[in-house]
Amino acid sequence: SVQKLKEENQLEIRIEAERARLYDPVYNRIEAWKSGKADDIRYLLSNLSTVLTWCDWKQIDSSDLVMPKKVKIAYMKAVAKTHPDKIPSSLELEQKMIAENIFSTLSEAWEKFKVDNNMN
């Protein structure tokens, strides 16, 4: 059991080192996607296909995001693909990190959208 604990600790150290190595590239991709519009959920959803590349995400035209109900549907689909509990364990660490960032960015933008549109 001591050997198993040592192996688990070594694995955690390797994962954290890999996370540190990937931080800047992931940050840069997310910032390019947000393009200074981190609180504009329509913009984020219409450009999501630029960062959500590992699944069957279909490009959403901004004209399809005029009605708040359509925004909500697109948001819920995006969250289903990027929620930390829904991400496939087979994904590479970089993709998992991107998904986590997408999820948190969309969640913040969604909260602002709900307030702006008097949604509960």
PDB file of N, CA and C in Angstrom:
ATOM      1  N   SER A   1       0.820  -1.197   0.000  1.00  0.00           N
ATOM      2  CA  SER A   1       0.000   0.000   0.000  1.00  0.00           C
ATOM      3  C   SER A   1       0.861   1.258   0.000  1.00  0.00           C
ATOM      4  N   VAL A   2       2.021   1.224   0.594  1.00  0.00           N
ATOM      5  CA  VAL A   2       2.929   2.368   0.577  1.00  0.00           C
ATOM      6  C   VAL A   2       3.417   2.621  -0.848  1.00  0.00           C
ATOM      7  N   GLN A   3       3.725   1.548  -1.556  1.00  0.00           N
ATOM      8  CA  GLN A   3       4.181   1.673  -2.944  1.00  0.00           C
ATOM      9  C   GLN A   3       3.094   2.290  -3.811  1.00  0.00           C
ATOM     10  N   LYS A   4       1.860   1.864  -3.607  1.00  0.00           N
ATOM     11  CA  LYS A   4       0.737   2.397  -4.378  1.00  0.00           C
ATOM     12  C   LYS A   4       0.563   3.888  -4.099  1.00  0.00           C
ATOM     13  N   LEU A   5       0.702   4.288  -2.864  1.00  0.00           N
ATOM     14  CA  LEU A   5       0.594   5.697  -2.478  1.00  0.00           C
ATOM     15  C   LEU A   5       1.696   6.523  -3.143  1.00  0.00           C
ATOM     16  N   LYS A   6       2.907   5.989  -3.172  1.00  0.00           N
ATOM     17  CA  LYS A   6       4.022   6.673  -3.828  1.00  0.00           C
ATOM     18  C   LYS A   6       3.740   6.857  -5.319  1.00  0.00           C
ATOM     19  N   GLU A   7       3.202   5.811  -5.959  1.00  0.00           N
ATOM     20  CA  GLU A   7       2.888   5.889  -7.385  1.00  0.00           C
ATOM     21  C   GLU A   7       1.802   6.940  -7.650  1.00  0.00           C
ATOM     22  N   GLU A   8       0.796   6.972  -6.789  1.00  0.00           N
ATOM     23  CA  GLU A   8      -0.271   7.963  -6.937  1.00  0.00           C
ATOM     24  C   GLU A   8       0.279   9.381  -6.769  1.00  0.00           C
ATOM     25  N   ASN A   9       1.163   9.562  -5.801  1.00  0.00           N
ATOM     26  CA  ASN A   9       1.774  10.878  -5.596  1.00  0.00           C
ATOM     27  C   ASN A   9       2.611  11.300  -6.793  1.00  0.00           C
ATOM     28  N   GLN A  10       3.366  10.361  -7.362  1.00  0.00           N
ATOM     29  CA  GLN A  10       4.166  10.659  -8.549  1.00  0.00           C
ATOM     30  C   GLN A  10       3.269  11.047  -9.728  1.00  0.00           C
ATOM     31  N   LEU A  11       2.149  10.353  -9.874  1.00  0.00           N
ATOM     32  CA  LEU A  11       1.207  10.670 -10.942  1.00  0.00           C
ATOM     33  C   LEU A  11       0.653  12.080 -10.759  1.00  0.00           C
ATOM     34  N   GLU A  12       0.274  12.427  -9.537  1.00  0.00           N
ATOM     35  CA  GLU A  12      -0.236  13.774  -9.256  1.00  0.00           C
ATOM     36  C   GLU A  12       0.807  14.841  -9.569  1.00  0.00           C
ATOM     37  N   ILE A  13       2.039  14.576  -9.227  1.00  0.00           N
ATOM     38  CA  ILE A  13       3.127  15.528  -9.505  1.00  0.00           C
ATOM     39  C   ILE A  13       3.288  15.709 -11.009  1.00  0.00           C
ATOM     40  N   ARG A  14       3.225  14.614 -11.773  1.00  0.00           N
ATOM     41  CA  ARG A  14       3.345  14.700 -13.230  1.00  0.00           C
ATOM     42  C   ARG A  14       2.171  15.476 -13.834  1.00  0.00           C
ATOM     43  N   ILE A  15       0.958  15.229 -13.332  1.00  0.00           N
ATOM     44  CA  ILE A  15      -0.220  15.931 -13.847  1.00  0.00           C
ATOM     45  C   ILE A  15      -0.117  17.426 -13.564  1.00  0.00           C
ATOM     46  N   GLU A  16       0.302  17.790 -12.359  1.00  0.00           N
ATOM     47  CA  GLU A  16       0.445  19.209 -12.019  1.00  0.00           C
ATOM     48  C   GLU A  16       1.528  19.876 -12.862  1.00  0.00           C
ATOM     49  N   ALA A  17       2.611  19.166 -13.124  1.00  0.00           N
ATOM     50  CA  ALA A  17       3.665  19.709 -13.978  1.00  0.00           C
ATOM     51  C   ALA A  17       3.140  19.930 -15.400  1.00  0.00           C
ATOM     52  N   GLU A  18       2.355  18.986 -15.885  1.00  0.00           N
ATOM     53  CA  GLU A  18       1.773  19.112 -17.219  1.00  0.00           C
ATOM     54  C   GLU A  18       0.776  20.272 -17.262  1.00  0.00           C
ATOM     55  N   ARG A  19      -0.033  20.431 -16.210  1.00  0.00           N
ATOM     56  CA  ARG A  19      -0.963  21.568 -16.119  1.00  0.00           C
ATOM     57  C   ARG A  19      -0.204  22.891 -16.184  1.00  0.00           C
ATOM     58  N   ALA A  20       0.897  22.963 -15.464  1.00  0.00           N
ATOM     59  CA  ALA A  20       1.703  24.195 -15.458  1.00  0.00           C
ATOM     60  C   ALA A  20       2.274  24.466 -16.848  1.00  0.00           C
ATOM     61  N   ARG A  21       2.726  23.421 -17.517  1.00  0.00           N
ATOM     62  CA  ARG A  21       3.286  23.575 -18.863  1.00  0.00           C
ATOM     63  C   ARG A  21       2.213  24.044 -19.854  1.00  0.00           C
ATOM     64  N   LEU A  22       0.986  23.560 -19.681  1.00  0.00           N
ATOM     65  CA  LEU A  22      -0.100  23.874 -20.618  1.00  0.00           C
ATOM     66  C   LEU A  22      -0.832  25.177 -20.287  1.00  0.00           C
ATOM     67  N   TYR A  23      -0.556  25.751 -19.127  1.00  0.00           N
ATOM     68  CA  TYR A  23      -1.330  26.913 -18.688  1.00  0.00           C
ATOM     69  C   TYR A  23      -1.331  28.045 -19.719  1.00  0.00           C
ATOM     70  N   ASP A  24      -0.160  28.469 -20.169  1.00  0.00           N
ATOM     71  CA  ASP A  24      -0.090  29.599 -21.109  1.00  0.00           C
ATOM     72  C   ASP A  24      -0.776  29.323 -22.446  1.00  0.00           C
ATOM     73  N   PRO A  25      -0.530  28.167 -23.085  1.00  0.00           N
ATOM     74  CA  PRO A  25      -1.238  27.915 -24.351  1.00  0.00           C
ATOM     75  C   PRO A  25      -2.760  27.876 -24.180  1.00  0.00           C
ATOM     76  N   VAL A  26      -3.237  27.273 -23.101  1.00  0.00           N
ATOM     77  CA  VAL A  26      -4.682  27.201 -22.854  1.00  0.00           C
ATOM     78  C   VAL A  26      -5.219  28.608 -22.600  1.00  0.00           C
ATOM     79  N   TYR A  27      -4.530  29.364 -21.771  1.00  0.00           N
ATOM     80  CA  TYR A  27      -4.947  30.735 -21.460  1.00  0.00           C
ATOM     81  C   TYR A  27      -5.043  31.562 -22.746  1.00  0.00           C
ATOM     82  N   ASN A  28      -4.043  31.450 -23.608  1.00  0.00           N
ATOM     83  CA  ASN A  28      -4.030  32.223 -24.854  1.00  0.00           C
ATOM     84  C   ASN A  28      -5.181  31.832 -25.779  1.00  0.00           C
ATOM     85  N   ARG A  29      -5.492  30.537 -25.871  1.00  0.00           N
ATOM     86  CA  ARG A  29      -6.616  30.099 -26.716  1.00  0.00           C
ATOM     87  C   ARG A  29      -7.942  30.623 -26.179  1.00  0.00           C
ATOM     88  N   ILE A  30      -8.112  30.576 -24.863  1.00  0.00           N
ATOM     89  CA  ILE A  30      -9.354  31.051 -24.250  1.00  0.00           C
ATOM     90  C   ILE A  30      -9.477  32.561 -24.422  1.00  0.00           C
ATOM     91  N   GLU A  31      -8.403  33.283 -24.228  1.00  0.00           N
ATOM     92  CA  GLU A  31      -8.440  34.738 -24.396  1.00  0.00           C
ATOM     93  C   GLU A  31      -8.739  35.123 -25.849  1.00  0.00           C
ATOM     94  N   ALA A  32      -8.185  34.379 -26.793  1.00  0.00           N
ATOM     95  CA  ALA A  32      -8.476  34.640 -28.209  1.00  0.00           C
ATOM     96  C   ALA A  32      -9.949  34.390 -28.495  1.00  0.00           C
ATOM     97  N   TRP A  33     -10.519  33.336 -27.906  1.00  0.00           N
ATOM     98  CA  TRP A  33     -11.943  33.031 -28.076  1.00  0.00           C
ATOM     99  C   TRP A  33     -12.805  34.134 -27.475  1.00  0.00           C
ATOM    100  N   LYS A  34     -12.448  34.592 -26.273  1.00  0.00           N
ATOM    101  CA  LYS A  34     -13.241  35.629 -25.608  1.00  0.00           C
ATOM    102  C   LYS A  34     -13.111  36.969 -26.324  1.00  0.00           C
ATOM    103  N   SER A  35     -11.958  37.242 -26.861  1.00  0.00           N
ATOM    104  CA  SER A  35     -11.723  38.444 -27.660  1.00  0.00           C
ATOM    105  C   SER A  35     -12.258  39.715 -26.999  1.00  0.00           C
ATOM    106  N   GLY A  36     -12.063  39.820 -25.682  1.00  0.00           N
ATOM    107  CA  GLY A  36     -12.505  41.004 -24.962  1.00  0.00           C
ATOM    108  C   GLY A  36     -14.004  41.070 -24.719  1.00  0.00           C
ATOM    109  N   LYS A  37     -14.710  40.002 -25.049  1.00  0.00           N
ATOM    110  CA  LYS A  37     -16.171  39.990 -24.906  1.00  0.00           C
ATOM    111  C   LYS A  37     -16.610  38.842 -23.993  1.00  0.00           C
ATOM    112  N   ALA A  38     -15.948  38.706 -22.870  1.00  0.00           N
ATOM    113  CA  ALA A  38     -16.192  37.587 -21.966  1.00  0.00           C
ATOM    114  C   ALA A  38     -17.586  37.595 -21.365  1.00  0.00           C
ATOM    115  N   ASP A  39     -18.257  38.746 -21.379  1.00  0.00           N
ATOM    116  CA  ASP A  39     -19.589  38.796 -20.785  1.00  0.00           C
ATOM    117  C   ASP A  39     -20.706  38.777 -21.833  1.00  0.00           C
ATOM    118  N   ASP A  40     -20.349  38.617 -23.099  1.00  0.00           N
ATOM    119  CA  ASP A  40     -21.330  38.585 -24.187  1.00  0.00           C
ATOM    120  C   ASP A  40     -21.589  37.138 -24.594  1.00  0.00           C
ATOM    121  N   ILE A  41     -22.607  36.547 -23.997  1.00  0.00           N
ATOM    122  CA  ILE A  41     -22.854  35.116 -24.222  1.00  0.00           C
ATOM    123  C   ILE A  41     -23.162  34.803 -25.675  1.00  0.00           C
ATOM    124  N   ARG A  42     -23.811  35.700 -26.359  1.00  0.00           N
ATOM    125  CA  ARG A  42     -24.110  35.452 -27.782  1.00  0.00           C
ATOM    126  C   ARG A  42     -22.817  35.355 -28.590  1.00  0.00           C
ATOM    127  N   TYR A  43     -21.901  36.267 -28.333  1.00  0.00           N
ATOM    128  CA  TYR A  43     -20.606  36.238 -29.025  1.00  0.00           C
ATOM    129  C   TYR A  43     -19.864  34.940 -28.697  1.00  0.00           C
ATOM    130  N   LEU A  44     -19.818  34.598 -27.412  1.00  0.00           N
ATOM    131  CA  LEU A  44     -19.093  33.399 -26.992  1.00  0.00           C
ATOM    132  C   LEU A  44     -19.671  32.139 -27.625  1.00  0.00           C
ATOM    133  N   LEU A  45     -20.986  32.013 -27.619  1.00  0.00           N
ATOM    134  CA  LEU A  45     -21.620  30.823 -28.191  1.00  0.00           C
ATOM    135  C   LEU A  45     -21.429  30.751 -29.702  1.00  0.00           C
ATOM    136  N   SER A  46     -21.502  31.890 -30.379  1.00  0.00           N
ATOM    137  CA  SER A  46     -21.361  31.863 -31.840  1.00  0.00           C
ATOM    138  C   SER A  46     -19.926  31.571 -32.279  1.00  0.00           C
ATOM    139  N   ASN A  47     -18.970  31.738 -31.371  1.00  0.00           N
ATOM    140  CA  ASN A  47     -17.568  31.455 -31.694  1.00  0.00           C
ATOM    141  C   ASN A  47     -17.014  30.237 -30.953  1.00  0.00           C
ATOM    142  N   LEU A  48     -17.873  29.495 -30.320  1.00  0.00           N
ATOM    143  CA  LEU A  48     -17.439  28.365 -29.501  1.00  0.00           C
ATOM    144  C   LEU A  48     -16.721  27.279 -30.307  1.00  0.00           C
ATOM    145  N   SER A  49     -17.077  27.127 -31.560  1.00  0.00           N
ATOM    146  CA  SER A  49     -16.460  26.071 -32.369  1.00  0.00           C
ATOM    147  C   SER A  49     -14.957  26.285 -32.573  1.00  0.00           C
ATOM    148  N   THR A  50     -14.470  27.491 -32.304  1.00  0.00           N
ATOM    149  CA  THR A  50     -13.027  27.736 -32.445  1.00  0.00           C
ATOM    150  C   THR A  50     -12.216  27.096 -31.323  1.00  0.00           C
ATOM    151  N   VAL A  51     -12.851  26.855 -30.165  1.00  0.00           N
ATOM    152  CA  VAL A  51     -12.125  26.239 -29.049  1.00  0.00           C
ATOM    153  C   VAL A  51     -12.672  24.870 -28.656  1.00  0.00           C
ATOM    154  N   LEU A  52     -13.899  24.583 -28.998  1.00  0.00           N
ATOM    155  CA  LEU A  52     -14.511  23.294 -28.657  1.00  0.00           C
ATOM    156  C   LEU A  52     -14.359  22.369 -29.855  1.00  0.00           C
ATOM    157  N   THR A  53     -13.166  21.797 -29.987  1.00  0.00           N
ATOM    158  CA  THR A  53     -12.805  21.070 -31.200  1.00  0.00           C
ATOM    159  C   THR A  53     -12.840  19.550 -31.063  1.00  0.00           C
ATOM    160  N   TRP A  54     -12.982  19.031 -29.869  1.00  0.00           N
ATOM    161  CA  TRP A  54     -12.884  17.587 -29.661  1.00  0.00           C
ATOM    162  C   TRP A  54     -14.225  16.862 -29.679  1.00  0.00           C
ATOM    163  N   CYS A  55     -15.306  17.587 -29.880  1.00  0.00           N
ATOM    164  CA  CYS A  55     -16.617  16.931 -29.906  1.00  0.00           C
ATOM    165  C   CYS A  55     -17.383  17.413 -31.145  1.00  0.00           C
ATOM    166  N   ASP A  56     -18.590  16.958 -31.277  1.00  0.00           N
ATOM    167  CA  ASP A  56     -19.381  17.268 -32.468  1.00  0.00           C
ATOM    168  C   ASP A  56     -20.172  18.571 -32.308  1.00  0.00           C
ATOM    169  N   TRP A  57     -19.500  19.629 -31.860  1.00  0.00           N
ATOM    170  CA  TRP A  57     -20.153  20.925 -31.690  1.00  0.00           C
ATOM    171  C   TRP A  57     -20.387  21.544 -33.066  1.00  0.00           C
ATOM    172  N   LYS A  58     -21.636  21.921 -33.301  1.00  0.00           N
ATOM    173  CA  LYS A  58     -21.972  22.558 -34.573  1.00  0.00           C
ATOM    174  C   LYS A  58     -21.950  24.067 -34.418  1.00  0.00           C
ATOM    175  N   GLN A  59     -21.344  24.726 -35.386  1.00  0.00           N
ATOM    176  CA  GLN A  59     -21.269  26.185 -35.401  1.00  0.00           C
ATOM    177  C   GLN A  59     -22.674  26.779 -35.261  1.00  0.00           C
ATOM    178  N   ILE A  60     -22.817  27.776 -34.396  1.00  0.00           N
ATOM    179  CA  ILE A  60     -24.093  28.468 -34.216  1.00  0.00           C
ATOM    180  C   ILE A  60     -23.957  29.860 -34.819  1.00  0.00           C
ATOM    181  N   ASP A  61     -24.829  30.185 -35.725  1.00  0.00           N
ATOM    182  CA  ASP A  61     -24.815  31.519 -36.331  1.00  0.00           C
ATOM    183  C   ASP A  61     -25.386  32.521 -35.333  1.00  0.00           C
ATOM    184  N   SER A  62     -24.794  33.702 -35.289  1.00  0.00           N
ATOM    185  CA  SER A  62     -25.263  34.705 -34.336  1.00  0.00           C
ATOM    186  C   SER A  62     -26.718  35.099 -34.580  1.00  0.00           C
ATOM    187  N   SER A  63     -27.191  34.958 -35.819  1.00  0.00           N
ATOM    188  CA  SER A  63     -28.594  35.271 -36.109  1.00  0.00           C
ATOM    189  C   SER A  63     -29.543  34.267 -35.448  1.00  0.00           C
ATOM    190  N   ASP A  64     -29.018  33.104 -35.067  1.00  0.00           N
ATOM    191  CA  ASP A  64     -29.829  32.106 -34.365  1.00  0.00           C
ATOM    192  C   ASP A  64     -29.893  32.369 -32.865  1.00  0.00           C
ATOM    193  N   LEU A  65     -29.182  33.399 -32.413  1.00  0.00           N
ATOM    194  CA  LEU A  65     -29.126  33.694 -30.985  1.00  0.00           C
ATOM    195  C   LEU A  65     -29.793  35.021 -30.634  1.00  0.00           C
ATOM    196  N   VAL A  66     -30.791  35.394 -31.402  1.00  0.00           N
ATOM    197  CA  VAL A  66     -31.492  36.655 -31.148  1.00  0.00           C
ATOM    198  C   VAL A  66     -32.451  36.502 -29.969  1.00  0.00           C
ATOM    199  N   MET A  67     -33.230  35.455 -29.976  1.00  0.00           N
ATOM    200  CA  MET A  67     -34.222  35.233 -28.928  1.00  0.00           C
ATOM    201  C   MET A  67     -33.551  34.651 -27.678  1.00  0.00           C
ATOM    202  N   PRO A  68     -33.881  35.190 -26.501  1.00  0.00           N
ATOM    203  CA  PRO A  68     -33.283  34.665 -25.266  1.00  0.00           C
ATOM    204  C   PRO A  68     -33.481  33.161 -25.074  1.00  0.00           C
ATOM    205  N   LYS A  69     -34.617  32.626 -25.518  1.00  0.00           N
ATOM    206  CA  LYS A  69     -34.866  31.189 -25.387  1.00  0.00           C
ATOM    207  C   LYS A  69     -33.848  30.385 -26.202  1.00  0.00           C
ATOM    208  N   LYS A  70     -33.513  30.876 -27.398  1.00  0.00           N
ATOM    209  CA  LYS A  70     -32.521  30.191 -28.244  1.00  0.00           C
ATOM    210  C   LYS A  70     -31.131  30.265 -27.611  1.00  0.00           C
ATOM    211  N   VAL A  71     -30.842  31.398 -26.964  1.00  0.00           N
ATOM    212  CA  VAL A  71     -29.561  31.547 -26.264  1.00  0.00           C
ATOM    213  C   VAL A  71     -29.485  30.511 -25.144  1.00  0.00           C
ATOM    214  N   LYS A  72     -30.579  30.373 -24.413  1.00  0.00           N
ATOM    215  CA  LYS A  72     -30.608  29.409 -23.310  1.00  0.00           C
ATOM    216  C   LYS A  72     -30.382  27.991 -23.818  1.00  0.00           C
ATOM    217  N   ILE A  73     -31.020  27.631 -24.907  1.00  0.00           N
ATOM    218  CA  ILE A  73     -30.856  26.283 -25.473  1.00  0.00           C
ATOM    219  C   ILE A  73     -29.398  26.044 -25.867  1.00  0.00           C
ATOM    220  N   ALA A  74     -28.810  27.014 -26.560  1.00  0.00           N
ATOM    221  CA  ALA A  74     -27.408  26.877 -26.982  1.00  0.00           C
ATOM    222  C   ALA A  74     -26.485  26.804 -25.769  1.00  0.00           C
ATOM    223  N   TYR A  75     -26.766  27.626 -24.771  1.00  0.00           N
ATOM    224  CA  TYR A  75     -25.956  27.616 -23.541  1.00  0.00           C
ATOM    225  C   TYR A  75     -26.030  26.246 -22.863  1.00  0.00           C
ATOM    226  N   MET A  76     -27.230  25.703 -22.746  1.00  0.00           N
ATOM    227  CA  MET A  76     -27.395  24.406 -22.086  1.00  0.00           C
ATOM    228  C   MET A  76     -26.655  23.297 -22.844  1.00  0.00           C
ATOM    229  N   LYS A  77     -26.676  23.367 -24.158  1.00  0.00           N
ATOM    230  CA  LYS A  77     -25.936  22.380 -24.958  1.00  0.00           C
ATOM    231  C   LYS A  77     -24.427  22.521 -24.735  1.00  0.00           C
ATOM    232  N   ALA A  78     -23.964  23.767 -24.691  1.00  0.00           N
ATOM    233  CA  ALA A  78     -22.534  24.012 -24.482  1.00  0.00           C
ATOM    234  C   ALA A  78     -22.094  23.535 -23.104  1.00  0.00           C
ATOM    235  N   VAL A  79     -22.914  23.791 -22.107  1.00  0.00           N
ATOM    236  CA  VAL A  79     -22.593  23.359 -20.751  1.00  0.00           C
ATOM    237  C   VAL A  79     -22.560  21.836 -20.662  1.00  0.00           C
ATOM    238  N   ALA A  80     -23.448  21.182 -21.379  1.00  0.00           N
ATOM    239  CA  ALA A  80     -23.466  19.717 -21.381  1.00  0.00           C
ATOM    240  C   ALA A  80     -22.163  19.144 -21.957  1.00  0.00           C
ATOM    241  N   LYS A  81     -21.532  19.866 -22.861  1.00  0.00           N
ATOM    242  CA  LYS A  81     -20.279  19.403 -23.474  1.00  0.00           C
ATOM    243  C   LYS A  81     -19.052  19.759 -22.640  1.00  0.00           C
ATOM    244  N   THR A  82     -19.159  20.793 -21.779  1.00  0.00           N
ATOM    245  CA  THR A  82     -17.966  21.307 -21.101  1.00  0.00           C
ATOM    246  C   THR A  82     -18.010  21.191 -19.579  1.00  0.00           C
ATOM    247  N   HIS A  83     -19.119  20.739 -19.021  1.00  0.00           N
ATOM    248  CA  HIS A  83     -19.213  20.627 -17.563  1.00  0.00           C
ATOM    249  C   HIS A  83     -18.147  19.655 -17.065  1.00  0.00           C
ATOM    250  N   PRO A  84     -17.431  20.026 -15.997  1.00  0.00           N
ATOM    251  CA  PRO A  84     -16.357  19.157 -15.494  1.00  0.00           C
ATOM    252  C   PRO A  84     -16.802  17.723 -15.203  1.00  0.00           C
ATOM    253  N   ASP A  85     -18.034  17.530 -14.794  1.00  0.00           N
ATOM    254  CA  ASP A  85     -18.516  16.173 -14.522  1.00  0.00           C
ATOM    255  C   ASP A  85     -18.917  15.427 -15.788  1.00  0.00           C
ATOM    256  N   LYS A  86     -19.045  16.126 -16.910  1.00  0.00           N
ATOM    257  CA  LYS A  86     -19.494  15.509 -18.161  1.00  0.00           C
ATOM    258  C   LYS A  86     -18.360  15.290 -19.162  1.00  0.00           C
ATOM    259  N   ILE A  87     -17.196  15.829 -18.866  1.00  0.00           N
ATOM    260  CA  ILE A  87     -16.062  15.706 -19.789  1.00  0.00           C
ATOM    261  C   ILE A  87     -15.569  14.256 -19.779  1.00  0.00           C
ATOM    262  N   PRO A  88     -15.407  13.646 -20.952  1.00  0.00           N
ATOM    263  CA  PRO A  88     -14.909  12.265 -20.992  1.00  0.00           C
ATOM    264  C   PRO A  88     -13.513  12.156 -20.381  1.00  0.00           C
ATOM    265  N   SER A  89     -13.284  11.127 -19.620  1.00  0.00           N
ATOM    266  CA  SER A  89     -11.970  10.950 -18.989  1.00  0.00           C
ATOM    267  C   SER A  89     -10.888  10.656 -20.027  1.00  0.00           C
ATOM    268  N   SER A  90     -11.294  10.279 -21.225  1.00  0.00           N
ATOM    269  CA  SER A  90     -10.326   9.966 -22.276  1.00  0.00           C
ATOM    270  C   SER A  90      -9.723  11.217 -22.927  1.00  0.00           C
ATOM    271  N   LEU A  91     -10.281  12.385 -22.628  1.00  0.00           N
ATOM    272  CA  LEU A  91      -9.744  13.618 -23.215  1.00  0.00           C
ATOM    273  C   LEU A  91      -8.342  13.905 -22.698  1.00  0.00           C
ATOM    274  N   GLU A  92      -7.555  14.533 -23.549  1.00  0.00           N
ATOM    275  CA  GLU A  92      -6.226  14.953 -23.138  1.00  0.00           C
ATOM    276  C   GLU A  92      -6.352  16.072 -22.108  1.00  0.00           C
ATOM    277  N   LEU A  93      -5.324  16.245 -21.288  1.00  0.00           N
ATOM    278  CA  LEU A  93      -5.343  17.240 -20.226  1.00  0.00           C
ATOM    279  C   LEU A  93      -5.585  18.644 -20.778  1.00  0.00           C
ATOM    280  N   GLU A  94      -4.965  18.976 -21.907  1.00  0.00           N
ATOM    281  CA  GLU A  94      -5.158  20.306 -22.490  1.00  0.00           C
ATOM    282  C   GLU A  94      -6.624  20.546 -22.833  1.00  0.00           C
ATOM    283  N   GLN A  95      -7.268  19.560 -23.412  1.00  0.00           N
ATOM    284  CA  GLN A  95      -8.687  19.692 -23.757  1.00  0.00           C
ATOM    285  C   GLN A  95      -9.553  19.814 -22.505  1.00  0.00           C
ATOM    286  N   LYS A  96      -9.204  19.089 -21.465  1.00  0.00           N
ATOM    287  CA  LYS A  96      -9.936  19.199 -20.203  1.00  0.00           C
ATOM    288  C   LYS A  96      -9.794  20.603 -19.630  1.00  0.00           C
ATOM    289  N   MET A  97      -8.591  21.152 -19.696  1.00  0.00           N
ATOM    290  CA  MET A  97      -8.358  22.504 -19.184  1.00  0.00           C
ATOM    291  C   MET A  97      -9.145  23.530 -19.994  1.00  0.00           C
ATOM    292  N   ILE A  98      -9.191  23.356 -21.299  1.00  0.00           N
ATOM    293  CA  ILE A  98      -9.960  24.262 -22.163  1.00  0.00           C
ATOM    294  C   ILE A  98     -11.438  24.155 -21.811  1.00  0.00           C
ATOM    295  N   ALA A  99     -11.929  22.937 -21.644  1.00  0.00           N
ATOM    296  CA  ALA A  99     -13.338  22.737 -21.300  1.00  0.00           C
ATOM    297  C   ALA A  99     -13.684  23.408 -19.974  1.00  0.00           C
ATOM    298  N   GLU A 100     -12.809  23.275 -18.995  1.00  0.00           N
ATOM    299  CA  GLU A 100     -13.047  23.912 -17.699  1.00  0.00           C
ATOM    300  C   GLU A 100     -13.143  25.423 -17.844  1.00  0.00           C
ATOM    301  N   ASN A 101     -12.260  25.994 -18.647  1.00  0.00           N
ATOM    302  CA  ASN A 101     -12.274  27.444 -18.869  1.00  0.00           C
ATOM    303  C   ASN A 101     -13.512  27.888 -19.642  1.00  0.00           C
ATOM    304  N   ILE A 102     -13.892  27.114 -20.642  1.00  0.00           N
ATOM    305  CA  ILE A 102     -15.101  27.425 -21.408  1.00  0.00           C
ATOM    306  C   ILE A 102     -16.300  27.414 -20.466  1.00  0.00           C
ATOM    307  N   PHE A 103     -16.390  26.375 -19.649  1.00  0.00           N
ATOM    308  CA  PHE A 103     -17.517  26.235 -18.733  1.00  0.00           C
ATOM    309  C   PHE A 103     -17.617  27.438 -17.794  1.00  0.00           C
ATOM    310  N   SER A 104     -16.511  27.822 -17.184  1.00  0.00           N
ATOM    311  CA  SER A 104     -16.582  28.930 -16.226  1.00  0.00           C
ATOM    312  C   SER A 104     -16.874  30.254 -16.919  1.00  0.00           C
ATOM    313  N   THR A 105     -16.313  30.473 -18.097  1.00  0.00           N
ATOM    314  CA  THR A 105     -16.578  31.707 -18.842  1.00  0.00           C
ATOM    315  C   THR A 105     -18.037  31.790 -19.253  1.00  0.00           C
ATOM    316  N   LEU A 106     -18.564  30.694 -19.800  1.00  0.00           N
ATOM    317  CA  LEU A 106     -19.969  30.679 -20.203  1.00  0.00           C
ATOM    318  C   LEU A 106     -20.899  30.844 -19.010  1.00  0.00           C
ATOM    319  N   SER A 107     -20.556  30.243 -17.883  1.00  0.00           N
ATOM    320  CA  SER A 107     -21.396  30.355 -16.685  1.00  0.00           C
ATOM    321  C   SER A 107     -21.489  31.804 -16.216  1.00  0.00           C
ATOM    322  N   GLU A 108     -20.364  32.499 -16.215  1.00  0.00           N
ATOM    323  CA  GLU A 108     -20.365  33.908 -15.812  1.00  0.00           C
ATOM    324  C   GLU A 108     -21.171  34.758 -16.796  1.00  0.00           C
ATOM    325  N   ALA A 109     -20.980  34.524 -18.078  1.00  0.00           N
ATOM    326  CA  ALA A 109     -21.710  35.288 -19.099  1.00  0.00           C
ATOM    327  C   ALA A 109     -23.210  34.991 -19.016  1.00  0.00           C
ATOM    328  N   TRP A 110     -23.551  33.740 -18.712  1.00  0.00           N
ATOM    329  CA  TRP A 110     -24.954  33.352 -18.590  1.00  0.00           C
ATOM    330  C   TRP A 110     -25.619  34.082 -17.428  1.00  0.00           C
ATOM    331  N   GLU A 111     -24.926  34.190 -16.315  1.00  0.00           N
ATOM    332  CA  GLU A 111     -25.485  34.903 -15.155  1.00  0.00           C
ATOM    333  C   GLU A 111     -25.774  36.357 -15.515  1.00  0.00           C
ATOM    334  N   LYS A 112     -24.863  36.997 -16.225  1.00  0.00           N
ATOM    335  CA  LYS A 112     -25.076  38.381 -16.651  1.00  0.00           C
ATOM    336  C   LYS A 112     -26.255  38.460 -17.626  1.00  0.00           C
ATOM    337  N   PHE A 113     -26.331  37.516 -18.558  1.00  0.00           N
ATOM    338  CA  PHE A 113     -27.403  37.493 -19.541  1.00  0.00           C
ATOM    339  C   PHE A 113     -28.766  37.355 -18.855  1.00  0.00           C
ATOM    340  N   LYS A 114     -28.838  36.474 -17.844  1.00  0.00           N
ATOM    341  CA  LYS A 114     -30.093  36.279 -17.126  1.00  0.00           C
ATOM    342  C   LYS A 114     -30.540  37.577 -16.452  1.00  0.00           C
ATOM    343  N   VAL A 115     -29.615  38.281 -15.843  1.00  0.00           N
ATOM    344  CA  VAL A 115     -29.960  39.547 -15.194  1.00  0.00           C
ATOM    345  C   VAL A 115     -30.405  40.572 -16.223  1.00  0.00           C
ATOM    346  N   ASP A 116     -29.642  40.686 -17.309  1.00  0.00           N
ATOM    347  CA  ASP A 116     -29.954  41.672 -18.359  1.00  0.00           C
ATOM    348  C   ASP A 116     -31.314  41.406 -19.024  1.00  0.00           C
ATOM    349  N   ASN A 117     -31.745  40.151 -19.052  1.00  0.00           N
ATOM    350  CA  ASN A 117     -32.981  39.774 -19.733  1.00  0.00           C
ATOM    351  C   ASN A 117     -34.109  39.374 -18.780  1.00  0.00           C
ATOM    352  N   ASN A 118     -33.946  39.723 -17.526  1.00  0.00           N
ATOM    353  CA  ASN A 118     -34.960  39.430 -16.494  1.00  0.00           C
ATOM    354  C   ASN A 118     -35.404  37.976 -16.504  1.00  0.00           C
ATOM    355  N   MET A 119     -34.424  37.082 -16.533  1.00  0.00           N
ATOM    356  CA  MET A 119     -34.703  35.639 -16.511  1.00  0.00           C
ATOM    357  C   MET A 119     -34.347  35.105 -15.121  1.00  0.00           C
ATOM    358  N   ASN A 120     -35.050  34.075 -14.690  1.00  0.00           N
ATOM    359  CA  ASN A 120     -34.733  33.479 -13.388  1.00  0.00           C
ATOM    360  C   ASN A 120     -33.919  32.236 -13.546  1.00  0.00           C
TER     361      ASN A 120
END
